[in-house]
Amino acid sequence: QVQLVESGGGLVQAGETLRLSCVTSGRTFSRDLLGWFRQAPGKEREFVAAITWNSDITYYGDSVKGRFTISRDNAKNTVYLQMSSLKPEDTAVYYCAAPRDIQYGMDWYTSQYNYEYWGQGTQVTVSS
């Protein structure tokens, strides 16, 4: 059974830092891109970041560029999201995700519909 389990969320003040982790199990994703998304109440799920299997390319959503850093450790089956200079608008449930076998679209990694496996999410709340 494939599982993605996020951890590291919490309540922080604006300007602080958090690091999220996502451990995968049940199959190897060491040859797959992995992504992070977030969803705030009443809003659609939003692309945050993605990283290729060998970490040579990273992608970021416009709202987090320069503040968030995605990384991975394939030996530990773990992908990380380092979040710095947090803002109240970063408040959301954060999800890690692994893609379907076939993806569609030019920037396919930004679409939640190209991902098959999802974690349960971890809440991040940033107070002002």
Foldseek 3Di string as FASTA:
>chain_A
DKAKAKDWADEEAAQAKTKMKIAIDDDACLQFKKFKWWDDPPDDIWGAKIAGNVRPDIDGDPVQPPFWDWDDDRVRRMIMIIGGRDDQVVWTWMKMFTFDPDFDDDPRNGDPVRTDHIHPTDTHGYHD
